[in-house]
N, C-alpha and C. Protein backbone atom coordinates (compact mmCIF):
# COMPACT_ATOMS: atom_id res chain seq x y z
N UNK A 1 137.62 87.61 56.31
CA UNK A 1 136.80 88.18 56.60
C UNK A 1 135.55 87.99 57.06
N UNK A 2 135.29 86.53 56.67
CA UNK A 2 134.08 85.90 57.41
C UNK A 2 134.55 85.83 58.51
N UNK A 3 135.97 84.66 59.31
CA UNK A 3 135.70 84.16 60.13
C UNK A 3 136.16 86.17 61.27
N UNK A 4 136.78 87.19 60.75
CA UNK A 4 135.53 88.53 61.74
C UNK A 4 135.43 88.39 61.82
N UNK A 5 134.23 88.51 61.14
CA UNK A 5 132.87 88.36 61.76
C UNK A 5 132.36 88.41 62.33
N UNK A 6 132.66 86.55 62.23
CA UNK A 6 132.23 85.67 63.10
C UNK A 6 132.69 86.18 64.18
N UNK A 7 133.69 86.71 63.91
CA UNK A 7 134.30 86.37 66.03
C UNK A 7 134.43 88.17 66.41
N UNK A 8 133.60 88.93 65.25
CA UNK A 8 133.38 90.05 66.25
C UNK A 8 131.90 89.77 67.11
N UNK A 9 131.57 89.48 65.93
CA UNK A 9 129.55 88.13 66.37
C UNK A 9 129.62 87.95 67.97
N UNK A 10 130.72 86.66 68.05
CA UNK A 10 130.81 85.29 69.12
C UNK A 10 131.04 87.12 70.02
N UNK A 11 132.32 87.92 69.84
CA UNK A 11 132.57 88.40 70.75
C UNK A 11 131.70 89.18 71.22
N UNK A 12 130.51 89.72 70.63
CA UNK A 12 129.95 91.24 71.17
C UNK A 12 128.86 89.64 72.10
N UNK A 13 128.61 89.16 71.32
CA UNK A 13 127.77 88.27 72.19
C UNK A 13 128.17 87.46 73.30
N UNK A 14 129.26 87.52 73.32
CA UNK A 14 130.08 86.99 74.79
C UNK A 14 129.60 87.83 75.97
N UNK A 15 129.88 89.25 75.57
CA UNK A 15 130.58 90.78 76.26
C UNK A 15 128.83 90.61 76.45
N UNK A 16 127.65 90.59 75.69
CA UNK A 16 126.21 90.45 76.35
C UNK A 16 125.94 90.06 77.34
N UNK A 17 126.16 88.33 76.82
CA UNK A 17 126.42 87.50 77.97
C UNK A 17 126.76 87.93 79.31
N UNK A 18 128.11 88.42 79.45
CA UNK A 18 128.80 88.88 80.54
C UNK A 18 128.07 89.84 81.05
N UNK A 19 127.67 91.10 80.57
CA UNK A 19 126.65 91.91 81.21
C UNK A 19 125.27 90.99 81.91
N UNK A 20 125.14 90.38 81.02
CA UNK A 20 123.69 89.76 81.68
C UNK A 20 124.10 88.78 83.13
N UNK A 21 124.91 88.23 82.67
CA UNK A 21 125.36 87.90 83.97
C UNK A 21 125.85 87.78 84.87
N UNK A 22 126.52 89.12 84.80
CA UNK A 22 126.56 90.85 85.95
C UNK A 22 125.63 90.88 86.44
N UNK A 23 124.76 91.34 85.87
CA UNK A 23 123.10 92.23 86.01
C UNK A 23 122.71 91.05 86.85
N UNK A 24 122.68 89.90 86.63
CA UNK A 24 121.87 88.64 87.76
C UNK A 24 122.88 88.50 88.93
N UNK A 25 124.11 88.97 89.03
CA UNK A 25 124.86 88.50 90.19
C UNK A 25 124.27 89.90 90.70
N UNK A 26 123.86 90.44 90.23
CA UNK A 26 123.94 92.18 91.04
C UNK A 26 122.85 92.48 91.90
N UNK A 27 121.54 91.56 91.09
CA UNK A 27 120.83 91.05 91.15
C UNK A 27 120.34 90.36 92.10
N UNK A 28 120.92 89.26 92.24
CA UNK A 28 121.19 88.02 93.43
C UNK A 28 121.75 89.07 94.66
N UNK A 29 122.30 89.42 94.44
CA UNK A 29 123.32 90.30 96.15
C UNK A 29 122.06 90.91 96.45
N UNK A 30 121.34 91.40 95.76
CA UNK A 30 120.53 92.73 96.09
C UNK A 30 119.07 91.68 97.07
N UNK A 31 118.83 90.55 96.11
CA UNK A 31 117.49 89.59 96.31
C UNK A 31 118.28 89.18 98.16
N UNK A 32 119.57 88.68 97.90
CA UNK A 32 119.91 88.03 98.95
C UNK A 32 120.12 89.37 100.26
N UNK A 33 120.58 90.23 99.77
CA UNK A 33 120.69 91.48 101.52
C UNK A 33 119.11 91.69 101.97
N UNK A 34 118.22 91.76 100.71
CA UNK A 34 117.46 92.10 101.32
C UNK A 34 116.22 91.40 102.24
N UNK A 35 116.92 89.62 101.94
CA UNK A 35 116.37 88.77 102.62
C UNK A 35 116.70 88.67 103.44
N UNK A 36 118.72 88.70 103.91
CA UNK A 36 118.89 88.95 105.39
C UNK A 36 118.40 90.17 105.65
N UNK A 37 118.14 91.07 105.43
CA UNK A 37 117.08 92.47 106.28
C UNK A 37 116.21 92.00 106.30
N UNK A 38 115.00 91.40 105.45
CA UNK A 38 114.03 90.98 106.34
C UNK A 38 113.53 89.74 107.22
N UNK A 39 114.81 88.83 106.93
CA UNK A 39 115.18 87.93 107.73
C UNK A 39 114.89 88.32 109.81
N UNK A 40 116.30 89.42 109.58
CA UNK A 40 116.52 89.72 110.51
C UNK A 40 115.59 90.87 111.42
N UNK A 41 114.62 91.35 110.97
CA UNK A 41 113.21 92.18 110.99
C UNK A 41 112.15 91.07 112.09
N UNK A 42 112.43 90.17 110.54
CA UNK A 42 111.28 89.05 110.88
C UNK A 42 111.54 88.14 112.42
N UNK A 43 112.64 88.19 113.14
CA UNK A 43 113.13 87.47 114.00
C UNK A 43 113.05 88.28 114.99
N UNK A 44 113.57 89.47 114.64
CA UNK A 44 112.85 90.62 115.79
C UNK A 44 112.09 90.44 116.46
N UNK A 45 111.02 90.98 115.54
CA UNK A 45 109.18 90.64 115.59
C UNK A 45 108.84 88.84 116.47
N UNK A 46 109.40 87.81 115.62
CA UNK A 46 109.24 86.77 116.87
C UNK A 46 109.84 86.82 118.15
N UNK A 47 110.63 88.08 118.31
CA UNK A 47 112.19 88.08 119.98
C UNK A 47 110.81 88.49 120.32
N UNK A 48 109.98 89.71 120.33
CA UNK A 48 109.06 90.46 120.83
C UNK A 48 107.90 90.31 120.99
N UNK A 49 107.18 89.03 120.30
CA UNK A 49 105.43 88.77 120.25
C UNK A 49 105.05 88.32 121.63
N UNK A 50 106.44 87.70 122.81
CA UNK A 50 106.10 86.80 124.11
C UNK A 50 105.77 88.38 124.25
N UNK A 51 106.92 89.08 124.61
CA UNK A 51 106.59 90.39 125.54
C UNK A 51 105.03 91.41 125.36
N UNK A 52 104.82 91.38 123.44
CA UNK A 52 103.57 91.96 123.67
C UNK A 52 102.76 91.35 123.53
N UNK A 53 102.77 89.70 123.94
CA UNK A 53 101.36 89.26 124.60
C UNK A 53 100.94 89.31 126.29
N UNK A 54 102.40 89.54 126.48
CA UNK A 54 101.87 89.84 127.98
C UNK A 54 101.83 91.02 128.54
N UNK A 55 101.98 92.04 127.62
CA UNK A 55 101.43 93.47 127.18
C UNK A 55 99.76 93.49 127.32
N UNK A 56 99.86 92.54 126.20
CA UNK A 56 98.36 92.72 125.90
C UNK A 56 97.87 91.68 127.35
N UNK A 57 97.90 91.00 127.97
CA UNK A 57 97.57 90.23 128.66
C UNK A 57 97.53 91.20 129.83
N UNK A 58 98.03 92.08 130.14
CA UNK A 58 97.86 93.05 131.17
C UNK A 58 97.02 94.10 131.37
N UNK A 59 97.14 94.27 129.77
CA UNK A 59 96.09 95.59 129.02
C UNK A 59 94.96 95.35 129.07
N UNK A 60 94.87 94.26 128.95
CA UNK A 60 93.65 93.33 128.91
C UNK A 60 92.52 93.03 130.60
N UNK A 61 93.63 93.42 131.54
CA UNK A 61 93.13 93.06 133.04
C UNK A 61 92.60 94.50 133.17
N UNK A 62 94.32 95.68 133.27
CA UNK A 62 93.28 96.09 133.82
C UNK A 62 92.04 96.71 133.18
N UNK A 63 91.65 96.26 131.82
CA UNK A 63 90.30 97.54 131.26
C UNK A 63 89.35 96.01 132.32
N UNK A 64 89.80 94.57 132.02
CA UNK A 64 88.69 93.81 132.95
C UNK A 64 88.10 94.05 134.18
N UNK A 65 89.39 95.00 135.23
CA UNK A 65 88.84 95.49 136.37
C UNK A 65 88.50 96.69 136.34
N UNK A 66 88.66 97.40 135.66
CA UNK A 66 87.80 99.15 134.71
C UNK A 66 86.64 98.62 135.06
N UNK A 67 85.79 97.91 133.57
CA UNK A 67 85.29 97.67 133.72
C UNK A 67 83.78 97.28 134.92
N UNK A 68 84.75 95.82 135.60
CA UNK A 68 84.05 95.82 136.77
C UNK A 68 83.69 97.17 137.93
N UNK A 69 85.53 97.96 138.13
CA UNK A 69 85.22 98.95 138.79
C UNK A 69 83.71 100.45 138.35
N UNK A 70 83.51 100.44 136.62
CA UNK A 70 82.84 101.16 136.56
C UNK A 70 81.14 100.56 136.94
N UNK A 71 81.20 99.44 137.22
CA UNK A 71 79.87 99.22 136.90
C UNK A 71 79.43 99.05 138.77
N UNK A 72 80.14 98.72 139.44
CA UNK A 72 80.28 98.90 140.37
C UNK A 72 79.69 100.89 141.42
N UNK A 73 81.03 100.99 140.67
CA UNK A 73 80.37 102.73 140.73
C UNK A 73 78.81 103.28 140.59
N UNK A 74 78.56 102.36 138.77
CA UNK A 74 77.35 103.25 138.65
C UNK A 74 76.19 102.23 139.51
N UNK A 75 76.72 101.11 139.92
CA UNK A 75 75.34 100.83 141.12
C UNK A 75 75.49 101.49 142.04
N UNK A 76 76.83 101.84 142.56
CA UNK A 76 76.73 102.95 143.26
C UNK A 76 76.07 104.64 143.62
N UNK A 77 76.40 104.72 142.37
CA UNK A 77 75.82 105.97 142.05
C UNK A 77 73.96 105.93 141.47
N UNK A 78 73.76 104.66 141.36
CA UNK A 78 72.75 104.74 140.89
C UNK A 78 70.98 104.90 142.55
N UNK A 79 72.21 104.41 143.60
CA UNK A 79 71.43 103.65 145.08
C UNK A 79 72.03 105.21 145.67
N UNK A 80 72.82 106.03 145.45
CA UNK A 80 72.82 107.02 146.15
C UNK A 80 72.11 108.27 145.81
N UNK A 81 71.65 108.17 144.31
CA UNK A 81 71.11 109.23 143.62
C UNK A 81 69.37 108.45 143.81
N UNK A 82 68.70 107.40 144.80
CA UNK A 82 67.76 106.79 144.89
C UNK A 82 68.57 107.77 146.56
N UNK A 83 68.44 107.03 147.46
CA UNK A 83 68.89 107.59 148.28
C UNK A 83 68.94 109.55 148.94
N UNK A 84 69.43 109.61 147.75
CA UNK A 84 69.15 111.61 147.48
C UNK A 84 67.66 111.83 147.42
N UNK A 85 67.05 111.45 145.94
CA UNK A 85 65.41 111.23 146.24
C UNK A 85 64.84 110.85 146.89
N UNK A 86 65.42 110.10 147.78
CA UNK A 86 64.31 109.64 148.71
C UNK A 86 64.34 110.88 150.24
N UNK A 87 65.44 111.39 150.43
CA UNK A 87 65.73 112.31 151.60
C UNK A 87 65.13 114.01 150.95
N UNK A 88 65.13 114.04 150.07
CA UNK A 88 64.97 114.99 149.39
C UNK A 88 63.37 115.10 149.34
N UNK A 89 62.51 114.11 148.80
CA UNK A 89 61.17 114.03 149.64
C UNK A 89 61.20 114.17 150.37
N UNK A 90 61.65 113.27 151.23
CA UNK A 90 61.47 113.57 153.20
C UNK A 90 61.54 115.47 153.64
N UNK A 91 62.94 115.27 153.25
CA UNK A 91 63.04 117.06 153.81
C UNK A 91 61.28 118.04 152.92
N UNK A 92 61.35 117.30 151.36
CA UNK A 92 59.68 118.79 151.49
C UNK A 92 58.72 118.44 151.95
N UNK A 93 58.74 116.75 152.19
CA UNK A 93 57.53 116.45 152.90
C UNK A 93 57.48 117.40 154.73
N UNK A 94 59.27 117.05 155.37
CA UNK A 94 58.87 117.58 156.22
C UNK A 94 58.66 118.77 156.50
N UNK A 95 58.95 119.93 155.14
CA UNK A 95 58.63 121.51 155.12
C UNK A 95 57.54 122.19 155.01
N UNK A 96 56.89 120.94 154.40
CA UNK A 96 55.33 120.76 154.00
C UNK A 96 54.81 121.11 155.62
N UNK A 97 55.47 120.03 156.34
CA UNK A 97 54.60 119.66 157.52
C UNK A 97 54.66 120.82 158.35
N UNK A 98 56.33 121.77 158.75
CA UNK A 98 56.34 122.29 159.12
C UNK A 98 55.79 123.51 159.07
N UNK A 99 55.62 123.91 157.76
CA UNK A 99 54.86 124.87 157.53
C UNK A 99 53.14 124.93 157.86
N UNK A 100 53.38 123.59 158.13
CA UNK A 100 51.23 123.43 157.80
C UNK A 100 51.36 124.07 160.16
N UNK A 101 52.21 123.12 160.55
CA UNK A 101 51.93 123.43 161.93
C UNK A 101 52.44 124.74 162.23
N UNK A 102 53.27 125.38 161.69
CA UNK A 102 53.54 126.80 162.17
C UNK A 102 52.08 127.55 161.43
N UNK A 103 51.06 127.10 160.70
CA UNK A 103 50.07 127.85 159.93
C UNK A 103 48.83 127.60 161.05
N UNK A 104 48.97 126.59 161.71
CA UNK A 104 47.79 125.79 162.72
C UNK A 104 48.20 126.92 164.03
N UNK A 105 49.69 126.78 164.21
CA UNK A 105 50.05 127.61 165.51
C UNK A 105 49.52 129.42 165.30
N UNK A 106 49.57 129.80 163.75
CA UNK A 106 49.33 131.59 163.98
C UNK A 106 47.28 131.07 164.76
N UNK A 107 46.95 129.88 163.90
CA UNK A 107 45.37 130.07 163.78
C UNK A 107 45.02 130.32 165.02
N UNK A 108 45.81 128.80 166.38
CA UNK A 108 45.27 128.94 167.70
C UNK A 108 46.09 129.86 168.34
N UNK A 109 46.80 131.02 167.68
CA UNK A 109 47.05 132.12 168.79
C UNK A 109 46.32 133.30 168.38
């Protein structure tokens, strides 16, 4: 009976170890699958890096061009504002002279 008890105990331990081994195998399979998927994603990302770098460079060039254009337009706007202000002042001065001359002509007549 003791031998049977020892046999039962060993059988339970063997079953327990087999279950642990099966769980370890399943865990290893999940880890291997996950590794495979992550490796695939990493390879895809690495494959797209040069293309993305090129797009970043293109966008940076566009941005640089737009900044230069904005500066040019800003200078032109400032120049046009100055010219407008000068023209407005000249028009006001001419209008004042014209009214003065009209007034003088009326007095003379």
